[in-house]
Protein backbone atom coordinates (compact mmCIF):
# COMPACT_ATOMS: atom_id res chain seq x y z
CA MET A 1 -1.03 -4.60 44.46
CA SER A 2 -0.48 -3.52 41.00
CA PRO A 3 1.81 -6.29 38.78
CA LEU A 4 5.10 -6.06 38.65
CA SER A 5 7.48 -5.92 35.50
CA PRO A 6 9.40 -8.39 35.47
CA HIS A 7 11.92 -6.80 34.11
CA SER A 8 12.02 -3.55 34.54
CA GLY A 9 11.16 -4.23 38.88
CA ARG A 10 9.05 -0.49 37.64
CA GLU A 11 5.08 -0.56 38.78
CA ALA A 12 3.76 -2.38 35.04
CA PRO A 13 0.51 -0.67 32.42
CA CYS A 14 -3.03 -2.08 33.98
CA GLU A 15 -4.50 -1.54 30.05
CA VAL A 16 -2.35 -1.66 27.35
CA HIS A 17 -2.95 0.36 23.65
CA PHE A 18 -2.61 0.01 20.49
CA ASN A 19 -3.49 0.61 16.85
CA THR A 20 -5.19 -2.35 14.19
CA GLY A 21 -5.16 0.62 11.27
CA ALA A 22 -8.96 0.61 9.86
CA ARG A 23 -11.56 -1.22 7.42
CA GLN A 24 -10.50 -0.26 4.00
CA HIS A 25 -12.27 2.48 2.21
CA ARG A 26 -15.22 1.39 -0.40
CA ALA A 27 -13.55 0.94 -4.01
CA ASP A 28 -17.03 2.76 -6.00
CA ARG A 29 -15.01 5.86 -3.90
CA ILE A 30 -11.92 5.82 -6.20
CA ILE A 31 -12.75 6.66 -9.84
CA PRO A 32 -9.57 5.20 -11.51
CA VAL A 33 -8.08 6.73 -14.19
CA PHE A 34 -5.21 3.81 -16.02
CA LEU A 35 -2.10 5.35 -17.99
CA PRO A 36 0.39 2.18 -18.74
CA PHE A 37 3.79 2.44 -19.68
CA LEU A 38 2.65 6.42 -20.67
CA GLY A 39 5.63 8.71 -19.36
CA CYS A 40 7.95 5.93 -18.34
CA PRO A 41 11.14 6.32 -19.42
CA CYS A 42 12.52 2.38 -19.56
CA HIS A 43 10.60 -1.15 -18.29
CA CYS A 44 11.48 -2.61 -15.05
CA VAL A 45 11.63 -6.42 -15.43
CA TYR A 46 8.89 -7.23 -13.29
CA CYS A 47 6.63 -4.80 -14.81
CA ALA A 48 3.19 -6.01 -16.77
CA GLN A 49 0.92 -2.93 -16.35
CA ASP A 50 -1.45 -3.24 -19.53
CA LYS A 51 -1.95 -6.95 -18.09
CA GLN A 52 -1.83 -5.07 -14.25
CA THR A 53 -4.94 -2.77 -15.40
CA GLY A 54 -7.04 -4.62 -18.20
CA GLU A 55 -6.30 -1.44 -20.01
CA ASP A 56 -5.24 -1.13 -23.72
CA ALA A 57 -1.52 -0.25 -23.33
CA SER A 58 -2.14 1.29 -27.13
CA GLU A 59 -3.94 3.66 -26.27
CA ASN A 60 -3.16 7.65 -25.63
CA VAL A 61 -4.32 10.08 -23.67
CA ARG A 62 -6.77 11.55 -25.64
CA ASP A 63 -8.87 8.16 -26.06
CA ILE A 64 -8.57 6.92 -22.53
CA LEU A 65 -9.83 11.04 -21.15
CA GLU A 66 -12.61 11.05 -23.94
CA LYS A 67 -13.60 7.00 -21.41
CA ALA A 68 -13.36 8.32 -18.47
CA CYS A 69 -15.67 11.68 -19.60
CA ALA A 70 -17.72 8.84 -20.72
CA ALA A 71 -17.91 7.26 -17.67
CA THR A 72 -18.61 10.07 -15.20
CA SER A 73 -21.27 12.03 -17.11
CA GLU A 74 -23.77 10.58 -15.48
CA MET A 75 -21.99 10.72 -11.98
CA PRO A 76 -24.42 12.64 -9.80
CA PRO A 77 -22.27 15.30 -8.02
CA CYS A 78 -20.70 14.46 -4.02
CA ARG A 79 -23.14 14.77 -1.24
CA ALA A 80 -22.19 16.52 1.74
CA GLY A 81 -19.70 14.37 3.81
CA GLU A 82 -19.17 12.68 0.78
CA ASN A 83 -15.70 12.32 -0.54
CA ARG A 84 -15.04 10.81 -4.33
CA GLU A 85 -11.31 11.07 -5.48
CA LEU A 86 -10.29 10.14 -9.26
CA ALA A 87 -6.92 8.88 -9.12
CA PHE A 88 -4.53 8.96 -11.74
CA TYR A 89 -2.53 5.33 -11.87
CA GLY A 90 0.15 3.67 -14.00
CA GLY A 91 2.60 5.08 -16.08
CA THR A 92 4.68 8.01 -14.84
CA PHE A 93 1.85 10.61 -14.94
CA THR A 94 4.34 13.87 -14.01
CA ALA A 95 7.44 12.69 -17.34
CA LEU A 96 3.95 12.51 -19.55
CA PRO A 97 4.03 14.83 -22.46
CA SER A 98 3.11 18.18 -21.26
CA VAL A 99 0.34 18.22 -23.62
CA ASP A 100 -0.63 15.10 -21.77
CA ARG A 101 -0.53 15.80 -18.25
CA THR A 102 -2.67 19.06 -19.12
CA SER A 103 -5.60 17.50 -20.55
CA CYS A 104 -5.07 14.83 -17.78
CA LEU A 105 -5.34 17.96 -15.03
CA ASP A 106 -8.24 20.39 -17.36
CA PHE A 107 -10.50 17.19 -17.13
CA LEU A 108 -9.55 16.64 -12.99
CA SER A 109 -10.02 21.11 -12.07
CA ARG A 110 -13.65 20.04 -14.47
CA LEU A 111 -14.35 17.42 -11.98
CA ARG A 112 -13.64 19.71 -9.45
CA ARG A 113 -16.19 22.47 -10.24
CA GLU A 114 -18.41 19.94 -10.92
CA GLY A 115 -18.23 18.85 -7.04
CA ARG A 116 -18.26 15.26 -8.41
CA ILE A 117 -15.09 14.79 -7.26
CA THR A 118 -13.25 15.87 -3.51
CA ARG A 119 -9.89 14.53 -3.68
CA ALA A 120 -7.42 13.77 -6.49
CA ARG A 121 -3.88 11.90 -6.51
CA CYS A 122 -1.50 10.58 -9.15
CA SER A 123 1.19 8.48 -9.63
CA THR A 124 5.06 9.03 -10.60
CA ARG A 125 8.24 8.32 -10.08
CA PRO A 126 10.53 9.63 -7.50
CA ASP A 127 13.02 10.83 -10.48
CA ALA A 128 10.77 12.58 -12.36
CA LEU A 129 9.56 15.62 -9.97
CA ALA A 130 10.52 19.07 -11.46
CA PRO A 131 9.17 21.79 -9.02
CA LYS A 132 7.52 23.32 -11.94
CA VAL A 133 5.67 19.96 -12.68
CA LEU A 134 4.74 19.83 -8.85
CA LYS A 135 3.23 23.20 -8.73
CA GLU A 136 1.23 22.57 -11.52
CA LEU A 137 -0.32 19.30 -9.76
CA LEU A 138 -0.59 21.68 -6.54
CA GLN A 139 -2.34 24.47 -8.79
CA ASN A 140 -4.44 21.61 -10.08
CA GLY A 141 -6.11 20.18 -7.33
CA VAL A 142 -3.97 17.29 -6.52
CA ASP A 143 -3.31 16.46 -3.00
CA LEU A 144 -1.60 13.44 -3.11
CA VAL A 145 1.05 12.14 -5.26
CA GLU A 146 2.16 8.80 -4.90
CA LEU A 147 5.75 7.14 -5.82
CA GLY A 148 6.77 4.23 -7.18
CA ILE A 149 9.46 3.66 -5.11
CA GLN A 150 9.55 -0.06 -4.90
CA SER A 151 12.43 0.05 -2.49
CA PHE A 152 15.48 2.18 -0.78
CA ASP A 153 18.57 -0.43 -1.62
CA ASP A 154 20.52 0.43 -4.31
CA ASP A 155 21.32 -3.34 -5.28
CA ALA A 156 17.48 -4.15 -5.58
CA LEU A 157 16.67 -0.61 -7.99
CA ALA A 158 19.97 -1.46 -10.18
CA LEU A 159 18.81 -5.48 -10.46
CA SER A 160 15.08 -4.08 -11.65
CA ARG A 161 16.96 -1.52 -13.80
CA ARG A 162 14.75 1.60 -11.97
CA GLY A 163 17.27 3.69 -13.71
CA TYR A 164 18.05 5.85 -10.34
CA SER A 165 19.38 5.49 -6.38
CA GLY A 166 17.94 4.71 -2.86
CA ARG A 167 19.05 8.45 -2.25
CA ASP A 168 17.38 9.40 -5.29
CA ALA A 169 13.90 7.83 -3.94
CA GLU A 170 14.42 9.87 -0.22
CA GLU A 171 15.05 13.20 -2.22
CA GLY A 172 11.98 12.58 -4.53
CA CYS A 173 9.74 11.70 -0.90
CA ARG A 174 11.12 14.87 0.17
CA LYS A 175 10.67 16.89 -2.75
CA VAL A 176 6.46 15.65 -3.03
CA HIS A 177 6.57 17.61 0.41
CA GLU A 178 7.93 20.75 -0.19
CA ALA A 179 5.26 21.39 -2.80
CA GLY A 180 3.28 21.32 0.08
CA LEU A 181 1.51 18.05 -1.06
CA SER A 182 1.03 14.72 0.64
CA LEU A 183 3.16 11.97 0.07
CA GLY A 184 2.16 8.15 -0.70
CA VAL A 185 5.00 5.39 -0.86
CA GLN A 186 5.00 2.17 -3.23
CA LEU A 187 7.05 -0.97 -1.93
CA LEU A 188 7.60 -4.13 -4.04
CA PRO A 189 8.25 -6.66 -1.88
CA GLY A 190 10.33 -9.93 -3.21
CA MET A 191 11.66 -7.63 -6.09
CA PRO A 192 15.07 -9.55 -7.36
CA GLY A 193 17.66 -8.25 -4.71
CA SER A 194 14.84 -7.97 -2.27
CA THR A 195 15.08 -10.15 0.43
CA PRO A 196 12.47 -10.00 3.97
CA GLU A 197 15.60 -7.37 6.01
CA VAL A 198 15.44 -5.27 2.45
CA PHE A 199 12.15 -5.00 2.58
CA LEU A 200 11.45 -4.30 6.47
CA ALA A 201 14.52 -1.41 6.28
CA ASP A 202 12.45 -0.12 2.88
CA VAL A 203 9.46 -0.22 5.62
CA ARG A 204 11.02 1.87 8.45
CA LYS A 205 12.95 4.22 5.88
CA ALA A 206 9.62 5.28 4.14
CA LEU A 207 7.55 5.43 7.48
CA SER A 208 10.48 7.91 8.73
CA LEU A 209 9.53 10.49 5.31
CA SER A 210 6.36 11.04 7.14
CA PRO A 211 3.68 9.19 4.16
CA SER A 212 0.28 9.68 4.21
CA CYS A 213 -0.32 5.96 2.84
CA LEU A 214 2.07 3.15 1.66
CA ARG A 215 0.86 0.52 -0.76
CA PHE A 216 2.72 -2.74 -0.57
CA TYR A 217 2.67 -4.59 -4.04
CA PRO A 218 4.58 -8.39 -3.91
CA CYS A 219 5.98 -8.73 -6.32
CA LEU A 220 5.01 -11.63 -8.83
CA VAL A 221 5.84 -13.10 -12.08
CA PRO A 222 4.20 -12.33 -15.20
CA GLU A 223 4.52 -13.67 -19.14
CA GLY A 224 6.55 -11.13 -21.01
CA THR A 225 8.96 -9.34 -18.81
CA VAL A 226 12.43 -10.22 -17.95
CA LEU A 227 11.49 -11.55 -14.90
CA ALA A 228 9.44 -14.34 -16.12
CA ARG A 229 12.88 -15.16 -18.32
CA TRP A 230 14.95 -14.79 -15.57
CA TYR A 231 12.57 -17.47 -13.65
CA ARG A 232 12.36 -19.63 -16.20
CA GLU A 233 16.02 -19.99 -16.03
CA GLY A 234 16.17 -20.13 -12.32
CA ARG A 235 17.86 -16.43 -11.78
CA TYR A 236 14.60 -15.67 -9.63
CA VAL A 237 12.93 -16.69 -6.87
CA PRO A 238 9.38 -14.95 -5.51
CA TRP A 239 8.79 -15.58 -2.40
CA THR A 240 6.55 -18.15 -1.18
CA ILE A 241 2.87 -17.17 0.62
CA GLU A 242 4.09 -18.28 4.53
CA GLU A 243 7.22 -15.73 3.73
CA THR A 244 5.05 -13.12 2.31
CA VAL A 245 2.39 -13.51 5.02
CA LYS A 246 5.41 -13.32 7.86
CA THR A 247 7.44 -10.03 6.31
CA LEU A 248 4.13 -8.07 5.20
CA GLY A 249 2.59 -8.64 8.59
CA GLU A 250 5.21 -7.85 10.92
CA ALA A 251 5.72 -4.49 8.16
CA LEU A 252 2.22 -3.48 8.15
CA ARG A 253 2.41 -4.21 11.92
CA LEU A 254 5.38 -0.73 11.96
CA ALA A 255 2.94 0.70 10.24
CA TRP A 256 0.20 0.64 12.74
CA GLN A 257 2.18 1.55 15.55
CA ALA A 258 3.44 5.50 13.85
CA ASP A 259 -0.14 5.08 12.05
CA VAL A 260 0.37 5.09 8.69
CA SER A 261 -2.56 3.62 6.04
CA VAL A 262 -1.52 0.36 4.90
CA ILE A 263 -3.93 1.20 1.92
CA ARG A 264 -3.07 -2.27 -0.42
CA LEU A 265 -1.24 -5.16 0.77
CA SER A 266 -1.74 -7.01 -2.96
CA VAL A 267 -2.17 -6.87 -6.62
CA ALA A 268 -5.46 -5.68 -7.42
CA PRO A 269 -7.28 -8.68 -9.44
CA GLU A 270 -7.38 -8.17 -12.97
CA PRO A 271 -8.04 -11.68 -14.88
CA ALA A 272 -6.07 -10.69 -17.92
CA PHE A 273 -3.04 -10.48 -15.46
CA ASP A 274 -3.38 -13.57 -13.53
CA ALA A 275 -4.33 -15.52 -16.86
CA ALA A 276 -0.59 -14.07 -17.55
CA LEU A 277 1.31 -14.86 -14.28
CA LEU A 278 3.88 -17.74 -13.93
CA ALA A 279 4.58 -17.78 -10.57
CA GLY A 280 4.89 -15.82 -7.07
CA PRO A 281 2.69 -14.89 -3.97
CA ARG A 282 -1.04 -15.12 -5.01
CA HIS A 283 -3.76 -15.61 -2.70
CA PRO A 284 -7.11 -14.71 -3.25
CA ALA A 285 -6.82 -13.66 0.86
CA LEU A 286 -3.82 -12.24 0.63
CA GLY A 287 -4.36 -9.32 2.10
CA ALA A 288 -6.57 -10.61 5.37
CA LEU A 289 -3.56 -13.90 6.05
CA ILE A 290 -0.92 -10.03 6.44
CA GLN A 291 -3.70 -8.21 8.98
CA ALA A 292 -4.11 -11.40 10.67
CA GLU A 293 -0.32 -11.60 11.49
CA ALA A 294 0.28 -7.93 12.49
CA LEU A 295 -2.77 -8.41 14.51
CA LEU A 296 -1.43 -10.93 16.35
CA LEU A 297 2.06 -9.34 16.32
CA SER A 298 0.60 -6.24 17.43
CA ALA A 299 -0.79 -8.54 20.35
CA GLU A 300 2.16 -10.21 21.81
CA ASP A 301 4.20 -7.09 21.70
CA ALA A 302 0.97 -5.66 23.53
CA VAL A 303 1.08 -8.91 26.04
CA ARG A 304 4.64 -8.04 26.47
CA ARG A 305 4.71 -4.34 27.35
CA LEU A 306 1.37 -5.12 29.63
CA GLY A 307 3.94 -7.13 32.18
CA HIS A 308 1.01 -9.47 33.15
CA ALA A 309 -1.00 -12.18 32.14
CA PRO A 310 -4.13 -10.68 29.67
CA VAL A 311 -7.18 -10.66 31.19
CA ARG A 312 -9.13 -9.40 28.27
CA LEU A 313 -8.69 -8.13 24.78
CA THR A 314 -11.00 -5.89 23.02
CA LEU A 315 -10.67 -5.59 19.20
CA PRO A 316 -12.90 -3.35 16.80
CA ARG A 317 -15.57 -5.07 14.93
CA PHE A 318 -14.28 -5.52 11.41
CA CYS A 319 -10.87 -7.50 13.21
CA GLN A 320 -13.81 -10.45 13.56
CA GLY A 321 -13.16 -12.03 10.01
CA PHE A 322 -9.96 -12.05 10.01
CA MET A 323 -8.37 -12.60 13.36
CA TYR A 324 -7.58 -16.50 13.62
CA GLY A 325 -5.99 -16.57 9.38
CA ASP A 326 -6.85 -18.91 6.87
CA LYS A 327 -8.82 -21.63 8.57
CA GLY A 328 -8.41 -21.24 12.20
CA THR A 329 -4.88 -21.45 11.37
CA LEU A 330 -3.40 -18.86 13.99
CA LYS A 331 -5.57 -20.32 17.21
CA GLU A 332 -3.12 -21.49 18.08
CA ARG A 333 -0.68 -18.43 19.02
CA TRP A 334 -3.56 -17.07 20.28
CA GLN A 335 -3.83 -19.62 22.98
CA ALA A 336 -0.36 -19.47 23.84
CA LEU A 337 -0.39 -15.56 24.71
CA GLY A 338 -3.51 -16.61 27.37
CA LEU A 339 -6.40 -15.40 24.46
CA GLY A 340 -8.89 -17.77 23.97
CA PRO A 341 -11.72 -16.69 22.36
CA GLU A 342 -13.70 -16.14 26.41
CA ARG A 343 -10.99 -13.09 26.95
CA ILE A 344 -11.62 -12.03 23.02
CA VAL A 345 -14.00 -8.86 22.95
CA PHE A 346 -14.47 -7.09 19.67
CA ASP A 347 -16.28 -4.28 19.84
CA ARG A 348 -17.91 -1.94 16.93
CA ASN A 349 -17.31 1.45 18.48
CA THR A 350 -13.73 1.30 19.19
CA ARG A 351 -11.12 2.01 16.92
CA SER A 352 -7.81 1.26 17.98
CA ALA A 353 -7.28 -2.35 20.81
CA MET A 354 -7.16 -2.95 24.53
CA LEU A 355 -5.67 -5.21 26.76
CA SER A 356 -5.82 -5.62 29.41
C-alpha cells in the first residue's frame, strides 16, 4: 500500500528530487580586470575596493589595461568546448568616462577576435545604465552585467549611502534584461540596516527578477572605512558567523530551488584586505559551511514533502566534502531526519538530489 501524507490524506510521492547547486567553476576560467573605485559616483560606508582587490586604487584605466594586455599576451586561443571569460570587476563600469570605457571594450573585442575568450561580463550600479551605454556593451561582446544592488530595502540603502532606492534597483535589473543582456545581482547581507529578514526578502526579490546568477558578500568591517568608525562607536554590529551561515544557508536553498546559480558566498581571500579587517563573519571555509546548511535545509524540506520516513538519499558526489559542516557539527541534524551515513549514497553521475 502506498504511504499517505499525514496532512493531506493523499498519496505521498515515492521520490522527491531537489537541487543542490553545482560545483563552482575553476578560477582559471576567469580573466579578471580590476577597476577599484573607477567610475564610482560616491564612496559607500563599507567599501575598501583597493584592499579587497589587492590593486592600486591610484592607477588609471590605461595602466590597468596595459597590465591586462601583458598578462594575456601569451594566452593561447580557447580550445574547442573551452569557456574562458573576461570580467571587469570593481568600480562602476558603465559610469567610466567614455574614452576609458571604449578602451576596455576595445581590449575585450580584440580578445574575442583572437579567440582568447568566449564570454565577458562587467559590474556596475543599477542607477548607471544609460540605454546608449548598454547598447555599447552588447555590441562589443559583453554577455552579462552584474549589478551591485546590495539591497532592495530603502532604509539599508540610505544608511550605506548608496544613492538610489529599492525601486531604482529593480528598474536597473529590468533595463539590463531589456537591453538583451544577462543579469547578475550582488547582495550584501549584514550591511547597515540589513537584518536576516531584510536580506531574505532581498533574495526573494532578486530571484523574482530572473537573474542568471547571484553573489552574496557578507558585510565585513575593513579599516579606513566609515563602517570602521561606526563599529568602534558601537553604531554598527556585524553579523556573527553563526547568523551568517544560518541566513545565507536559507538564501542559498531558495536560489537552488529557483535553479539560479550563486557564484560567490564570501569575499575572496586577499592578504591586504584580511590584514585590514576589524570585524565581521570571516571564516576560511565560510562558503562550505553555508553550502552544508543549505543542503540540510533542502533535505529537511524534501523529507516533509516525501510524507514518510526516508529510506535513502542520493547526492551528487561533490556534496560529500561539505555536507556534515565543520568537524561534523551537522551529523546529529542529519540523524534526526533519519538519514544516517548508511542511508546516504553519493553518485558522481547525478546533478540533483533524490530522496526516497
